[in-house]
Amino acid sequence: MKIFVWNSRSLLIGNIEELSFHSDRSCYLLSSLNSKNFEIRKENTSWESFHSVLIPKGLNIDLQGKDSLIAALSTDPKDLENWLGSPSSGSFLNIGELGEKFQSISNKLYQCSENPEEQKSYLYELDSLLPPKFVPNATDPRIYSVTKKISENLLENLSSSELAGLAGLSVSRLEHLFKELVGISITEFRNWQRLKNATLAISQGENLTDAAHAAGFYDSAHYANSFKKAYGFFPSVFLNSQTKLYLF
């Protein structure tokens, strides 16, 4: 299996025979990359067969795809509004043309070399297909100074008041402008940076507990639960020796 994690998104590609996940904050876009369908079900319901499907946030999902090569993208529901409007919670949605384009890009990612620049070009293509609302590098210098300060001081829970003073803004103006330009709240951004740093350290061989502490989490369980809340699955999925993790 290959897992790509960038900004607030994750993409799993592989032969996923069984997987359970909870789409707490994100929608999931699933597509089979070969001729085989996969099956999914909500908690305590019957299995349904799909080749491509959108899963709205807020569902406990079981997936089985014994003979399928599956791509599973976790993304913010707002990123899909241009295609689907506001997806209603609780219903699986067939995605037609979007599924075909997603399948094509995912196949390129799965088959491409280990060259990071080539991989990033396909992730950029995916972001062009589904433009993300979350933009981590805000162009406003005041907001950029805040994102930089947070990223360099993850062990500190810098208050909105402290950050507002740095940016020369009132607290309410900072919080509004940050959400408008970055796409998520200050607290969510800090958590995303912590997840990114811990995941990178773990992928490079650092002990799970040490990596979690160094990134600002209380312990490894705090990191694992935060990761699952953000991406829908526990980090144990990419700790498997057969899985390759690519973090951008």
C-alpha atoms as a PDB file:
ATOM      1  CA  MET A   1       0.000   0.000   0.000  1.00  0.00           C
ATOM      2  CA  LYS A   2       1.064   3.593  -0.632  1.00  0.00           C
ATOM      3  CA  ILE A   3      -0.102   6.469   1.569  1.00  0.00           C
ATOM      4  CA  PHE A   4       0.335  10.106   0.580  1.00  0.00           C
ATOM      5  CA  VAL A   5      -0.219  12.796   3.239  1.00  0.00           C
ATOM      6  CA  TRP A   6      -0.106  16.470   2.268  1.00  0.00           C
ATOM      7  CA  ASN A   7      -1.680  19.568   3.765  1.00  0.00           C
ATOM      8  CA  SER A   8      -4.946  18.360   5.328  1.00  0.00           C
ATOM      9  CA  ARG A   9      -5.412  15.467   2.890  1.00  0.00           C
ATOM     10  CA  SER A  10      -4.476  11.806   2.789  1.00  0.00           C
ATOM     11  CA  LEU A  11      -4.618   9.322  -0.076  1.00  0.00           C
ATOM     12  CA  LEU A  12      -4.375   5.546   0.422  1.00  0.00           C
ATOM     13  CA  ILE A  13      -3.762   3.399  -2.659  1.00  0.00           C
ATOM     14  CA  GLY A  14      -3.472  -0.357  -2.529  1.00  0.00           C
ATOM     15  CA  ASN A  15      -5.121  -3.751  -2.248  1.00  0.00           C
ATOM     16  CA  ILE A  16      -7.277  -2.978   0.764  1.00  0.00           C
ATOM     17  CA  GLU A  17      -8.985  -6.251   1.645  1.00  0.00           C
ATOM     18  CA  GLU A  18     -10.615  -4.885   4.807  1.00  0.00           C
ATOM     19  CA  LEU A  19     -10.605  -1.476   6.450  1.00  0.00           C
ATOM     20  CA  SER A  20     -12.818   0.227   9.016  1.00  0.00           C
ATOM     21  CA  PHE A  21     -12.753   3.981   9.343  1.00  0.00           C
ATOM     22  CA  HIS A  22     -14.762   6.889  10.656  1.00  0.00           C
ATOM     23  CA  SER A  23     -15.205   9.962   8.479  1.00  0.00           C
ATOM     24  CA  ASP A  24     -15.370  12.349  11.439  1.00  0.00           C
ATOM     25  CA  ARG A  25     -14.290  15.611   9.788  1.00  0.00           C
ATOM     26  CA  SER A  26     -13.611  14.528   6.223  1.00  0.00           C
ATOM     27  CA  CYS A  27     -15.406  13.181   3.212  1.00  0.00           C
ATOM     28  CA  TYR A  28     -13.931  10.086   1.577  1.00  0.00           C
ATOM     29  CA  LEU A  29     -13.646   9.708  -2.171  1.00  0.00           C
ATOM     30  CA  LEU A  30     -13.166   6.022  -3.068  1.00  0.00           C
ATOM     31  CA  SER A  31     -12.441   4.526  -6.463  1.00  0.00           C
ATOM     32  CA  SER A  32     -11.382   1.124  -7.755  1.00  0.00           C
ATOM     33  CA  LEU A  33      -8.347   1.391 -10.025  1.00  0.00           C
ATOM     34  CA  ASN A  34      -9.065  -1.889 -11.811  1.00  0.00           C
ATOM     35  CA  SER A  35     -12.189  -3.586 -13.162  1.00  0.00           C
ATOM     36  CA  LYS A  36     -13.284  -4.941  -9.772  1.00  0.00           C
ATOM     37  CA  ASN A  37     -15.884  -3.265  -7.580  1.00  0.00           C
ATOM     38  CA  PHE A  38     -15.497  -2.940  -3.811  1.00  0.00           C
ATOM     39  CA  GLU A  39     -18.147  -3.139  -1.106  1.00  0.00           C
ATOM     40  CA  ILE A  40     -18.874  -0.716   1.715  1.00  0.00           C
ATOM     41  CA  ARG A  41     -21.464  -0.499   4.436  1.00  0.00           C
ATOM     42  CA  LYS A  42     -22.498   1.845   7.180  1.00  0.00           C
ATOM     43  CA  GLU A  43     -22.647   0.501  10.702  1.00  0.00           C
ATOM     44  CA  ASN A  44     -25.229  -2.319  11.025  1.00  0.00           C
ATOM     45  CA  THR A  45     -26.423  -2.078   7.401  1.00  0.00           C
ATOM     46  CA  SER A  46     -26.114  -4.255   4.287  1.00  0.00           C
ATOM     47  CA  TRP A  47     -23.113  -4.211   1.955  1.00  0.00           C
ATOM     48  CA  GLU A  48     -23.338  -2.054  -1.199  1.00  0.00           C
ATOM     49  CA  SER A  49     -21.154  -2.452  -4.295  1.00  0.00           C
ATOM     50  CA  PHE A  50     -19.433   0.511  -6.004  1.00  0.00           C
ATOM     51  CA  HIS A  51     -16.697   1.329  -8.482  1.00  0.00           C
ATOM     52  CA  SER A  52     -16.459   4.967  -7.311  1.00  0.00           C
ATOM     53  CA  VAL A  53     -18.309   6.630  -4.455  1.00  0.00           C
ATOM     54  CA  LEU A  54     -18.327   9.655  -2.165  1.00  0.00           C
ATOM     55  CA  ILE A  55     -18.770   9.007   1.556  1.00  0.00           C
ATOM     56  CA  PRO A  56     -19.993  12.070   3.514  1.00  0.00           C
ATOM     57  CA  LYS A  57     -18.493  12.918   6.890  1.00  0.00           C
ATOM     58  CA  GLY A  58     -19.845  11.519  10.133  1.00  0.00           C
ATOM     59  CA  LEU A  59     -20.168   7.834   9.203  1.00  0.00           C
ATOM     60  CA  ASN A  60     -18.636   4.639  10.577  1.00  0.00           C
ATOM     61  CA  ILE A  61     -17.663   2.666   7.478  1.00  0.00           C
ATOM     62  CA  ASP A  62     -16.507  -0.883   6.759  1.00  0.00           C
ATOM     63  CA  LEU A  63     -14.763  -1.495   3.440  1.00  0.00           C
ATOM     64  CA  GLN A  64     -13.910  -4.774   1.748  1.00  0.00           C
ATOM     65  CA  GLY A  65     -12.258  -5.105  -1.640  1.00  0.00           C
ATOM     66  CA  LYS A  66     -10.591  -8.488  -1.938  1.00  0.00           C
ATOM     67  CA  ASP A  67      -9.624  -8.181  -5.614  1.00  0.00           C
ATOM     68  CA  SER A  68      -9.772  -4.402  -5.961  1.00  0.00           C
ATOM     69  CA  LEU A  69      -6.936  -1.915  -6.177  1.00  0.00           C
ATOM     70  CA  ILE A  70      -8.515   0.974  -4.275  1.00  0.00           C
ATOM     71  CA  ALA A  71      -7.733   4.680  -3.954  1.00  0.00           C
ATOM     72  CA  ALA A  72      -9.222   6.404  -0.892  1.00  0.00           C
ATOM     73  CA  LEU A  73      -8.921  10.187  -0.581  1.00  0.00           C
ATOM     74  CA  SER A  74      -9.721  11.963   2.689  1.00  0.00           C
ATOM     75  CA  THR A  75     -10.594  15.630   2.152  1.00  0.00           C
ATOM     76  CA  ASP A  76     -12.639  18.478   3.601  1.00  0.00           C
ATOM     77  CA  PRO A  77     -16.336  18.333   2.545  1.00  0.00           C
ATOM     78  CA  LYS A  78     -16.107  21.951   1.348  1.00  0.00           C
ATOM     79  CA  ASP A  79     -13.565  20.884  -1.291  1.00  0.00           C
ATOM     80  CA  LEU A  80     -16.317  18.958  -3.105  1.00  0.00           C
ATOM     81  CA  GLU A  81     -18.967  21.677  -3.168  1.00  0.00           C
ATOM     82  CA  ASN A  82     -18.124  22.802  -6.719  1.00  0.00           C
ATOM     83  CA  TRP A  83     -18.864  19.268  -7.942  1.00  0.00           C
ATOM     84  CA  LEU A  84     -21.664  18.152  -5.684  1.00  0.00           C
ATOM     85  CA  GLY A  85     -23.057  21.107  -3.769  1.00  0.00           C
ATOM     86  CA  SER A  86     -23.190  20.345  -0.040  1.00  0.00           C
ATOM     87  CA  PRO A  87     -23.145  16.534   0.297  1.00  0.00           C
ATOM     88  CA  SER A  88     -25.914  15.398   2.633  1.00  0.00           C
ATOM     89  CA  SER A  89     -24.782  13.414   5.636  1.00  0.00           C
ATOM     90  CA  GLY A  90     -25.697   9.758   5.729  1.00  0.00           C
ATOM     91  CA  SER A  91     -25.916   8.913   2.016  1.00  0.00           C
ATOM     92  CA  PHE A  92     -23.377   7.334  -0.341  1.00  0.00           C
ATOM     93  CA  LEU A  93     -23.126   9.249  -3.631  1.00  0.00           C
ATOM     94  CA  ASN A  94     -22.113   7.974  -7.069  1.00  0.00           C
ATOM     95  CA  ILE A  95     -19.656  10.463  -8.557  1.00  0.00           C
ATOM     96  CA  GLY A  96     -19.507   9.728 -12.299  1.00  0.00           C
ATOM     97  CA  GLU A  97     -17.054  11.980 -14.169  1.00  0.00           C
ATOM     98  CA  LEU A  98     -15.308  13.043 -10.961  1.00  0.00           C
ATOM     99  CA  GLY A  99     -14.651   9.383 -10.145  1.00  0.00           C
ATOM    100  CA  GLU A 100     -13.105   8.774 -13.576  1.00  0.00           C
ATOM    101  CA  LYS A 101     -10.741  11.748 -13.243  1.00  0.00           C
ATOM    102  CA  PHE A 102      -9.822  10.790  -9.682  1.00  0.00           C
ATOM    103  CA  GLN A 103      -9.149   7.221 -10.838  1.00  0.00           C
ATOM    104  CA  SER A 104      -6.838   8.438 -13.621  1.00  0.00           C
ATOM    105  CA  ILE A 105      -4.719  10.627 -11.317  1.00  0.00           C
ATOM    106  CA  SER A 106      -4.572   7.946  -8.609  1.00  0.00           C
ATOM    107  CA  ASN A 107      -3.332   5.387 -11.140  1.00  0.00           C
ATOM    108  CA  LYS A 108      -0.525   7.758 -12.139  1.00  0.00           C
ATOM    109  CA  LEU A 109       0.472   8.180  -8.493  1.00  0.00           C
ATOM    110  CA  TYR A 110       0.440   4.455  -7.842  1.00  0.00           C
ATOM    111  CA  GLN A 111       2.544   3.637 -10.890  1.00  0.00           C
ATOM    112  CA  CYS A 112       4.982   6.570 -10.817  1.00  0.00           C
ATOM    113  CA  SER A 113       8.580   6.455  -9.618  1.00  0.00           C
ATOM    114  CA  GLU A 114       9.859   7.333  -6.139  1.00  0.00           C
ATOM    115  CA  ASN A 115      10.827  10.788  -7.425  1.00  0.00           C
ATOM    116  CA  PRO A 116       9.204  13.328  -5.030  1.00  0.00           C
ATOM    117  CA  GLU A 117       8.880  15.947  -7.768  1.00  0.00           C
ATOM    118  CA  GLU A 118       6.941  13.562  -9.996  1.00  0.00           C
ATOM    119  CA  GLN A 119       4.718  12.568  -7.075  1.00  0.00           C
ATOM    120  CA  LYS A 120       4.091  16.219  -6.183  1.00  0.00           C
ATOM    121  CA  SER A 121       3.103  16.959  -9.783  1.00  0.00           C
ATOM    122  CA  TYR A 122       0.295  14.385  -9.547  1.00  0.00           C
ATOM    123  CA  LEU A 123      -0.785  15.631  -6.116  1.00  0.00           C
ATOM    124  CA  TYR A 124      -0.932  19.114  -7.645  1.00  0.00           C
ATOM    125  CA  GLU A 125      -3.068  17.673 -10.451  1.00  0.00           C
ATOM    126  CA  LEU A 126      -5.402  16.221  -7.831  1.00  0.00           C
ATOM    127  CA  ASP A 127      -5.541  19.570  -6.018  1.00  0.00           C
ATOM    128  CA  SER A 128      -6.377  21.230  -9.342  1.00  0.00           C
ATOM    129  CA  LEU A 129      -9.261  18.784  -9.813  1.00  0.00           C
ATOM    130  CA  LEU A 130     -10.515  19.380  -6.255  1.00  0.00           C
ATOM    131  CA  PRO A 131      -9.127  22.759  -5.121  1.00  0.00           C
ATOM    132  CA  PRO A 132      -8.573  22.623  -1.340  1.00  0.00           C
ATOM    133  CA  LYS A 133     -10.081  25.238   0.950  1.00  0.00           C
ATOM    134  CA  PHE A 134      -7.138  24.784   3.316  1.00  0.00           C
ATOM    135  CA  VAL A 135      -4.148  26.867   2.142  1.00  0.00           C
ATOM    136  CA  PRO A 136      -1.257  26.385   4.608  1.00  0.00           C
ATOM    137  CA  ASN A 137       0.972  29.157   3.223  1.00  0.00           C
ATOM    138  CA  ALA A 138      -1.139  32.287   3.554  1.00  0.00           C
ATOM    139  CA  THR A 139       0.137  35.191   1.442  1.00  0.00           C
ATOM    140  CA  ASP A 140      -0.877  37.953   3.880  1.00  0.00           C
ATOM    141  CA  PRO A 141       2.387  38.739   5.759  1.00  0.00           C
ATOM    142  CA  ARG A 142       0.544  39.141   9.073  1.00  0.00           C
ATOM    143  CA  ILE A 143      -1.059  35.709   8.817  1.00  0.00           C
ATOM    144  CA  TYR A 144       2.145  34.185   7.466  1.00  0.00           C
ATOM    145  CA  SER A 145       3.987  35.452  10.559  1.00  0.00           C
ATOM    146  CA  VAL A 146       1.400  33.694  12.733  1.00  0.00           C
ATOM    147  CA  THR A 147       1.625  30.370  10.861  1.00  0.00           C
ATOM    148  CA  LYS A 148       5.427  30.568  11.074  1.00  0.00           C
ATOM    149  CA  LYS A 149       5.339  31.305  14.814  1.00  0.00           C
ATOM    150  CA  ILE A 150       2.989  28.385  15.486  1.00  0.00           C
ATOM    151  CA  SER A 151       5.030  25.987  13.333  1.00  0.00           C
ATOM    152  CA  GLU A 152       8.269  26.875  15.123  1.00  0.00           C
ATOM    153  CA  ASN A 153       6.772  26.636  18.641  1.00  0.00           C
ATOM    154  CA  LEU A 154       4.609  23.518  18.635  1.00  0.00           C
ATOM    155  CA  LEU A 155       5.352  22.682  22.270  1.00  0.00           C
ATOM    156  CA  GLU A 156       3.741  25.961  23.303  1.00  0.00           C
ATOM    157  CA  ASN A 157       0.008  26.581  23.162  1.00  0.00           C
ATOM    158  CA  LEU A 158       0.417  30.200  22.123  1.00  0.00           C
ATOM    159  CA  SER A 159      -2.800  32.071  22.867  1.00  0.00           C
ATOM    160  CA  SER A 160      -4.806  34.000  20.295  1.00  0.00           C
ATOM    161  CA  SER A 161      -3.947  37.134  22.271  1.00  0.00           C
ATOM    162  CA  GLU A 162      -0.195  36.512  21.911  1.00  0.00           C
ATOM    163  CA  LEU A 163      -0.536  35.748  18.210  1.00  0.00           C
ATOM    164  CA  ALA A 164      -2.750  38.781  17.630  1.00  0.00           C
ATOM    165  CA  GLY A 165      -0.063  40.977  19.207  1.00  0.00           C
ATOM    166  CA  LEU A 166       2.515  39.489  16.843  1.00  0.00           C
ATOM    167  CA  ALA A 167       0.300  40.203  13.826  1.00  0.00           C
ATOM    168  CA  GLY A 168      -0.756  43.671  14.992  1.00  0.00           C
ATOM    169  CA  LEU A 169      -4.432  42.701  14.920  1.00  0.00           C
ATOM    170  CA  SER A 170      -7.246  42.366  17.419  1.00  0.00           C
ATOM    171  CA  VAL A 171      -8.014  38.800  18.516  1.00  0.00           C
ATOM    172  CA  SER A 172     -11.358  38.742  16.704  1.00  0.00           C
ATOM    173  CA  ARG A 173      -9.839  40.158  13.494  1.00  0.00           C
ATOM    174  CA  LEU A 174      -6.957  37.672  13.604  1.00  0.00           C
ATOM    175  CA  GLU A 175      -9.251  34.687  14.108  1.00  0.00           C
ATOM    176  CA  HIS A 176     -11.553  35.822  11.276  1.00  0.00           C
ATOM    177  CA  LEU A 177      -8.724  36.611   8.841  1.00  0.00           C
ATOM    178  CA  PHE A 178      -6.821  33.414   9.683  1.00  0.00           C
ATOM    179  CA  LYS A 179      -9.881  31.252   8.994  1.00  0.00           C
ATOM    180  CA  GLU A 180     -10.635  33.178   5.795  1.00  0.00           C
ATOM    181  CA  LEU A 181      -7.107  32.917   4.347  1.00  0.00           C
ATOM    182  CA  VAL A 182      -5.868  29.579   5.709  1.00  0.00           C
ATOM    183  CA  GLY A 183      -9.203  27.761   5.620  1.00  0.00           C
ATOM    184  CA  ILE A 184      -9.081  26.357   9.157  1.00  0.00           C
ATOM    185  CA  SER A 185      -8.916  27.774  12.680  1.00  0.00           C
ATOM    186  CA  ILE A 186      -5.698  28.540  14.558  1.00  0.00           C
ATOM    187  CA  THR A 187      -6.251  25.506  16.802  1.00  0.00           C
ATOM    188  CA  GLU A 188      -6.812  23.215  13.809  1.00  0.00           C
ATOM    189  CA  PHE A 189      -3.697  24.572  12.092  1.00  0.00           C
ATOM    190  CA  ARG A 190      -1.562  23.930  15.186  1.00  0.00           C
ATOM    191  CA  ASN A 191      -2.891  20.380  15.408  1.00  0.00           C
ATOM    192  CA  TRP A 192      -2.218  19.789  11.709  1.00  0.00           C
ATOM    193  CA  GLN A 193       1.390  20.956  12.120  1.00  0.00           C
ATOM    194  CA  ARG A 194       1.853  18.653  15.115  1.00  0.00           C
ATOM    195  CA  LEU A 195       0.452  15.713  13.157  1.00  0.00           C
ATOM    196  CA  LYS A 196       2.730  16.485  10.228  1.00  0.00           C
ATOM    197  CA  ASN A 197       5.870  16.716  12.382  1.00  0.00           C
ATOM    198  CA  ALA A 198       5.133  13.572  14.394  1.00  0.00           C
ATOM    199  CA  THR A 199       4.227  11.556  11.301  1.00  0.00           C
ATOM    200  CA  LEU A 200       7.395  12.647   9.501  1.00  0.00           C
ATOM    201  CA  ALA A 201       9.542  11.667  12.499  1.00  0.00           C
ATOM    202  CA  ILE A 202       7.849   8.258  12.779  1.00  0.00           C
ATOM    203  CA  SER A 203       8.269   7.619   9.048  1.00  0.00           C
ATOM    204  CA  GLN A 204      12.003   8.288   9.509  1.00  0.00           C
ATOM    205  CA  GLY A 205      12.253   5.652  12.232  1.00  0.00           C
ATOM    206  CA  GLU A 206      11.736   7.620  15.433  1.00  0.00           C
ATOM    207  CA  ASN A 207       9.986   5.955  18.364  1.00  0.00           C
ATOM    208  CA  LEU A 208       6.220   6.612  18.331  1.00  0.00           C
ATOM    209  CA  THR A 209       6.120   7.998  21.874  1.00  0.00           C
ATOM    210  CA  ASP A 210       9.176  10.233  21.431  1.00  0.00           C
ATOM    211  CA  ALA A 211       7.864  11.598  18.131  1.00  0.00           C
ATOM    212  CA  ALA A 212       4.479  12.348  19.695  1.00  0.00           C
ATOM    213  CA  HIS A 213       6.033  14.186  22.660  1.00  0.00           C
ATOM    214  CA  ALA A 214       8.416  16.177  20.439  1.00  0.00           C
ATOM    215  CA  ALA A 215       5.504  17.395  18.316  1.00  0.00           C
ATOM    216  CA  GLY A 216       3.481  18.563  21.316  1.00  0.00           C
ATOM    217  CA  PHE A 217       1.158  15.614  21.994  1.00  0.00           C
ATOM    218  CA  TYR A 218       0.657  14.299  25.528  1.00  0.00           C
ATOM    219  CA  ASP A 219       1.521  10.729  24.520  1.00  0.00           C
ATOM    220  CA  SER A 220       1.331   8.264  21.623  1.00  0.00           C
ATOM    221  CA  ALA A 221      -2.388   7.622  22.227  1.00  0.00           C
ATOM    222  CA  HIS A 222      -3.112  11.361  21.958  1.00  0.00           C
ATOM    223  CA  TYR A 223      -1.237  11.450  18.638  1.00  0.00           C
ATOM    224  CA  ALA A 224      -2.944   8.299  17.309  1.00  0.00           C
ATOM    225  CA  ASN A 225      -6.436   9.525  18.213  1.00  0.00           C
ATOM    226  CA  SER A 226      -5.749  12.966  16.717  1.00  0.00           C
ATOM    227  CA  PHE A 227      -4.483  11.344  13.515  1.00  0.00           C
ATOM    228  CA  LYS A 228      -7.586   9.168  13.259  1.00  0.00           C
ATOM    229  CA  LYS A 229      -9.850  12.154  13.867  1.00  0.00           C
ATOM    230  CA  ALA A 230      -8.132  14.069  11.057  1.00  0.00           C
ATOM    231  CA  TYR A 231      -7.726  11.291   8.475  1.00  0.00           C
ATOM    232  CA  GLY A 232     -10.188   8.559   9.462  1.00  0.00           C
ATOM    233  CA  PHE A 233      -7.709   5.764  10.238  1.00  0.00           C
ATOM    234  CA  PHE A 234      -5.089   5.016  12.889  1.00  0.00           C
ATOM    235  CA  PRO A 235      -1.384   5.548  12.077  1.00  0.00           C
ATOM    236  CA  SER A 236      -0.842   1.814  12.635  1.00  0.00           C
ATOM    237  CA  VAL A 237      -1.950   1.462   8.990  1.00  0.00           C
ATOM    238  CA  PHE A 238       1.267   3.081   7.747  1.00  0.00           C
ATOM    239  CA  LEU A 239       3.488   1.444  10.383  1.00  0.00           C
ATOM    240  CA  ASN A 240       3.008  -1.829   8.505  1.00  0.00           C
ATOM    241  CA  SER A 241       6.294  -2.840   6.866  1.00  0.00           C
ATOM    242  CA  GLN A 242       4.484  -3.391   3.541  1.00  0.00           C
ATOM    243  CA  THR A 243       3.235   0.202   3.456  1.00  0.00           C
ATOM    244  CA  LYS A 244       5.110   3.164   1.978  1.00  0.00           C
ATOM    245  CA  LEU A 245       4.358   6.593   3.438  1.00  0.00           C
ATOM    246  CA  TYR A 246       5.000   9.793   1.471  1.00  0.00           C
ATOM    247  CA  LEU A 247       4.680  13.029   3.431  1.00  0.00           C
ATOM    248  CA  PHE A 248       4.698  16.437   1.742  1.00  0.00           C
END
